[in-house]
Amino acid sequence: MPQGTLKKKASKSKAIKKVTPKRGVRIAPKKNTLIKQNKLKKKLTAKSTASIEKNMASKAAAVGKLTIMKPKKSETDENKTSGKKSS
């Protein structure tokens, strides 16, 4: 039998954990200059995005009608492409 008292192992839960914010979560700045810079940046970004979208819309409209779905085939086209040969 060993002599002396048993020593308890230090638990890992007591270790100091580093607190880091989650990804995507930003802490707002507290200095007035940084607040003003962020407001200006947000405003300019919004204007830039709006102008890009406007330009893209005008370019797309100049090309012609844009559709997401293919147009329906008429019955005469279906007969031609049905794959059956009439002899």
N, C-alpha and C. Protein backbone atom coordinates (compact mmCIF):
# COMPACT_ATOMS: atom_id res chain seq x y z
N MET A 1 0.82 -1.17 0.00
CA MET A 1 0.00 0.00 0.00
C MET A 1 0.87 1.24 0.00
N PRO A 2 0.52 2.19 -0.91
CA PRO A 2 1.34 3.41 -0.93
C PRO A 2 1.04 4.29 0.27
N GLN A 3 2.05 4.96 0.67
CA GLN A 3 1.87 5.83 1.84
C GLN A 3 1.55 7.25 1.38
N GLY A 4 0.87 8.00 2.19
CA GLY A 4 0.50 9.37 1.87
C GLY A 4 -0.92 9.41 1.31
N THR A 5 -1.40 10.60 1.12
CA THR A 5 -2.77 10.75 0.61
C THR A 5 -2.77 10.74 -0.91
N LEU A 6 -3.90 10.38 -1.46
CA LEU A 6 -4.03 10.38 -2.91
C LEU A 6 -4.24 11.80 -3.42
N LYS A 7 -3.58 12.13 -4.52
CA LYS A 7 -3.74 13.46 -5.11
C LYS A 7 -4.82 13.40 -6.17
N LYS A 8 -5.71 14.37 -6.14
CA LYS A 8 -6.76 14.42 -7.14
C LYS A 8 -6.21 15.06 -8.40
N LYS A 9 -6.62 14.52 -9.53
CA LYS A 9 -6.20 15.09 -10.81
C LYS A 9 -7.01 16.34 -11.08
N ALA A 10 -6.39 17.33 -11.64
CA ALA A 10 -7.09 18.58 -11.97
C ALA A 10 -8.05 18.31 -13.12
N SER A 11 -9.25 18.74 -12.97
CA SER A 11 -10.23 18.51 -14.04
C SER A 11 -9.99 19.48 -15.19
N LYS A 12 -10.32 19.03 -16.38
CA LYS A 12 -10.09 19.84 -17.56
C LYS A 12 -11.09 20.98 -17.68
N SER A 13 -12.22 20.87 -16.99
CA SER A 13 -13.25 21.90 -17.09
C SER A 13 -12.81 23.20 -16.43
N LYS A 14 -11.84 23.13 -15.55
CA LYS A 14 -11.37 24.33 -14.87
C LYS A 14 -10.38 25.13 -15.72
N ALA A 15 -9.94 24.54 -16.82
CA ALA A 15 -8.98 25.23 -17.67
C ALA A 15 -9.63 26.48 -18.25
N ILE A 16 -8.86 27.52 -18.40
CA ILE A 16 -9.38 28.78 -18.92
C ILE A 16 -9.66 28.63 -20.41
N LYS A 17 -10.89 28.93 -20.77
CA LYS A 17 -11.27 28.83 -22.18
C LYS A 17 -11.23 30.21 -22.80
N LYS A 18 -10.79 30.26 -24.02
CA LYS A 18 -10.71 31.51 -24.75
C LYS A 18 -12.09 31.82 -25.32
N VAL A 19 -12.61 32.98 -25.03
CA VAL A 19 -13.93 33.37 -25.52
C VAL A 19 -13.77 34.05 -26.86
N THR A 20 -14.34 33.44 -27.89
CA THR A 20 -14.28 34.02 -29.22
C THR A 20 -15.70 34.17 -29.74
N PRO A 21 -15.99 35.26 -30.42
CA PRO A 21 -17.34 35.41 -30.97
C PRO A 21 -17.57 34.42 -32.10
N LYS A 22 -18.84 34.05 -32.28
CA LYS A 22 -19.17 33.12 -33.35
C LYS A 22 -18.93 33.78 -34.69
N ARG A 23 -18.73 32.96 -35.72
CA ARG A 23 -18.54 33.51 -37.05
C ARG A 23 -19.81 34.20 -37.50
N GLY A 24 -19.63 35.33 -38.13
CA GLY A 24 -20.79 36.08 -38.62
C GLY A 24 -21.31 37.06 -37.59
N VAL A 25 -20.92 36.93 -36.35
CA VAL A 25 -21.37 37.86 -35.33
C VAL A 25 -20.29 38.91 -35.15
N ARG A 26 -20.70 40.16 -35.33
CA ARG A 26 -19.73 41.23 -35.19
C ARG A 26 -20.13 42.12 -34.03
N ILE A 27 -19.17 42.59 -33.30
CA ILE A 27 -19.42 43.51 -32.21
C ILE A 27 -19.30 44.92 -32.76
N ALA A 28 -20.32 45.72 -32.53
CA ALA A 28 -20.35 47.08 -33.06
C ALA A 28 -19.27 47.92 -32.40
N PRO A 29 -18.63 48.81 -33.17
CA PRO A 29 -17.60 49.67 -32.60
C PRO A 29 -18.21 50.71 -31.66
N LYS A 30 -17.44 51.17 -30.70
CA LYS A 30 -17.94 52.13 -29.73
C LYS A 30 -17.40 53.54 -29.97
N LYS A 31 -16.42 53.68 -30.82
CA LYS A 31 -15.84 55.00 -31.08
C LYS A 31 -16.65 55.69 -32.17
N ASN A 32 -16.85 56.98 -32.00
CA ASN A 32 -17.67 57.74 -32.94
C ASN A 32 -17.11 57.74 -34.35
N THR A 33 -15.79 57.82 -34.48
CA THR A 33 -15.20 57.84 -35.83
C THR A 33 -15.44 56.52 -36.55
N LEU A 34 -15.34 55.42 -35.81
CA LEU A 34 -15.58 54.12 -36.43
C LEU A 34 -17.04 53.95 -36.79
N ILE A 35 -17.93 54.49 -35.97
CA ILE A 35 -19.37 54.41 -36.27
C ILE A 35 -19.67 55.17 -37.55
N LYS A 36 -19.09 56.36 -37.68
CA LYS A 36 -19.31 57.17 -38.89
C LYS A 36 -18.75 56.48 -40.12
N GLN A 37 -17.58 55.87 -39.99
CA GLN A 37 -16.97 55.17 -41.11
C GLN A 37 -17.84 54.00 -41.55
N ASN A 38 -18.38 53.26 -40.59
CA ASN A 38 -19.23 52.12 -40.93
C ASN A 38 -20.52 52.56 -41.61
N LYS A 39 -21.11 53.68 -41.15
CA LYS A 39 -22.33 54.20 -41.78
C LYS A 39 -22.04 54.61 -43.22
N LEU A 40 -20.93 55.30 -43.43
CA LEU A 40 -20.56 55.74 -44.77
C LEU A 40 -20.29 54.55 -45.68
N LYS A 41 -19.59 53.55 -45.16
CA LYS A 41 -19.28 52.35 -45.93
C LYS A 41 -20.56 51.63 -46.35
N LYS A 42 -21.50 51.51 -45.42
CA LYS A 42 -22.76 50.84 -45.70
C LYS A 42 -23.55 51.60 -46.77
N LYS A 43 -23.57 52.93 -46.66
CA LYS A 43 -24.29 53.77 -47.61
C LYS A 43 -23.68 53.65 -49.01
N LEU A 44 -22.37 53.71 -49.09
CA LEU A 44 -21.70 53.62 -50.39
C LEU A 44 -21.86 52.24 -51.01
N THR A 45 -21.81 51.21 -50.19
CA THR A 45 -22.00 49.85 -50.68
C THR A 45 -23.40 49.67 -51.24
N ALA A 46 -24.39 50.22 -50.56
CA ALA A 46 -25.77 50.12 -51.02
C ALA A 46 -25.94 50.85 -52.36
N LYS A 47 -25.34 52.03 -52.49
CA LYS A 47 -25.43 52.78 -53.75
C LYS A 47 -24.75 52.02 -54.88
N SER A 48 -23.59 51.46 -54.59
CA SER A 48 -22.84 50.70 -55.59
C SER A 48 -23.64 49.50 -56.07
N THR A 49 -24.20 48.76 -55.14
CA THR A 49 -25.00 47.58 -55.48
C THR A 49 -26.21 47.96 -56.30
N ALA A 50 -26.88 49.06 -55.92
CA ALA A 50 -28.07 49.50 -56.65
C ALA A 50 -27.72 49.89 -58.08
N SER A 51 -26.60 50.58 -58.26
CA SER A 51 -26.21 50.99 -59.61
C SER A 51 -25.83 49.79 -60.47
N ILE A 52 -25.16 48.82 -59.88
CA ILE A 52 -24.78 47.60 -60.63
C ILE A 52 -26.03 46.86 -61.06
N GLU A 53 -27.01 46.71 -60.14
CA GLU A 53 -28.25 46.03 -60.49
C GLU A 53 -29.01 46.77 -61.58
N LYS A 54 -29.00 48.09 -61.51
CA LYS A 54 -29.68 48.90 -62.53
C LYS A 54 -29.02 48.71 -63.89
N ASN A 55 -27.69 48.72 -63.93
CA ASN A 55 -26.97 48.51 -65.18
C ASN A 55 -27.23 47.12 -65.76
N MET A 56 -27.23 46.12 -64.91
CA MET A 56 -27.47 44.75 -65.38
C MET A 56 -28.89 44.62 -65.93
N ALA A 57 -29.86 45.26 -65.28
CA ALA A 57 -31.24 45.19 -65.74
C ALA A 57 -31.39 45.88 -67.09
N SER A 58 -30.71 47.01 -67.27
CA SER A 58 -30.82 47.72 -68.55
C SER A 58 -30.16 46.92 -69.68
N LYS A 59 -29.05 46.26 -69.37
CA LYS A 59 -28.38 45.43 -70.38
C LYS A 59 -29.23 44.23 -70.75
N ALA A 60 -29.86 43.63 -69.75
CA ALA A 60 -30.70 42.47 -70.02
C ALA A 60 -31.94 42.86 -70.81
N ALA A 61 -32.49 44.04 -70.54
CA ALA A 61 -33.67 44.49 -71.26
C ALA A 61 -33.33 44.82 -72.71
N ALA A 62 -32.10 45.24 -72.97
CA ALA A 62 -31.69 45.59 -74.32
C ALA A 62 -31.57 44.34 -75.20
N VAL A 63 -31.26 43.21 -74.61
CA VAL A 63 -31.08 41.97 -75.36
C VAL A 63 -32.41 41.47 -75.89
N GLY A 64 -33.43 41.52 -75.10
CA GLY A 64 -34.74 41.04 -75.51
C GLY A 64 -35.48 40.46 -74.35
N LYS A 65 -36.54 39.75 -74.66
CA LYS A 65 -37.37 39.17 -73.61
C LYS A 65 -36.62 38.02 -72.95
N LEU A 66 -36.56 38.07 -71.64
CA LEU A 66 -35.92 37.01 -70.88
C LEU A 66 -36.98 36.14 -70.23
N THR A 67 -36.84 34.83 -70.40
CA THR A 67 -37.78 33.92 -69.75
C THR A 67 -37.00 32.86 -69.01
N ILE A 68 -37.59 32.41 -67.95
CA ILE A 68 -36.95 31.36 -67.16
C ILE A 68 -37.27 30.00 -67.75
N MET A 69 -38.51 29.84 -68.19
CA MET A 69 -38.96 28.56 -68.72
C MET A 69 -38.93 28.58 -70.24
N LYS A 70 -38.76 27.39 -70.82
CA LYS A 70 -38.77 27.28 -72.27
C LYS A 70 -40.18 27.49 -72.78
N PRO A 71 -40.32 28.08 -73.95
CA PRO A 71 -41.68 28.28 -74.48
C PRO A 71 -42.31 26.94 -74.84
N LYS A 72 -43.65 26.91 -74.78
CA LYS A 72 -44.37 25.68 -75.11
C LYS A 72 -44.29 25.41 -76.59
N LYS A 73 -44.14 24.15 -76.94
CA LYS A 73 -44.11 23.78 -78.36
C LYS A 73 -45.54 23.71 -78.89
N SER A 74 -45.69 24.12 -80.12
CA SER A 74 -47.02 24.01 -80.72
C SER A 74 -47.24 22.56 -81.17
N GLU A 75 -48.48 22.24 -81.52
CA GLU A 75 -48.81 20.87 -81.90
C GLU A 75 -48.09 20.45 -83.18
N THR A 76 -47.90 21.38 -84.12
CA THR A 76 -47.23 21.03 -85.38
C THR A 76 -45.77 20.69 -85.13
N ASP A 77 -45.15 21.39 -84.20
CA ASP A 77 -43.76 21.09 -83.88
C ASP A 77 -43.64 19.72 -83.21
N GLU A 78 -44.62 19.36 -82.39
CA GLU A 78 -44.58 18.07 -81.70
C GLU A 78 -44.69 16.92 -82.70
N ASN A 79 -45.49 17.09 -83.74
CA ASN A 79 -45.64 16.04 -84.75
C ASN A 79 -44.34 15.83 -85.52
N LYS A 80 -43.63 16.91 -85.76
CA LYS A 80 -42.38 16.82 -86.51
C LYS A 80 -41.28 16.15 -85.68
N THR A 81 -41.27 16.37 -84.39
CA THR A 81 -40.20 15.86 -83.55
C THR A 81 -40.62 14.67 -82.71
N SER A 82 -41.74 14.03 -83.03
CA SER A 82 -42.22 12.92 -82.20
C SER A 82 -41.37 11.67 -82.37
N GLY A 83 -40.62 11.58 -83.47
CA GLY A 83 -39.75 10.44 -83.68
C GLY A 83 -40.40 9.36 -84.50
N LYS A 84 -41.66 9.48 -84.78
CA LYS A 84 -42.36 8.49 -85.62
C LYS A 84 -42.27 8.91 -87.08
N LYS A 85 -41.94 7.97 -87.90
CA LYS A 85 -41.88 8.25 -89.33
C LYS A 85 -43.17 7.76 -89.96
N SER A 86 -43.78 8.61 -90.74
CA SER A 86 -45.00 8.18 -91.44
C SER A 86 -44.61 7.72 -92.82
N SER A 87 -44.95 6.46 -93.18
CA SER A 87 -44.59 5.91 -94.48
C SER A 87 -45.80 5.68 -95.32
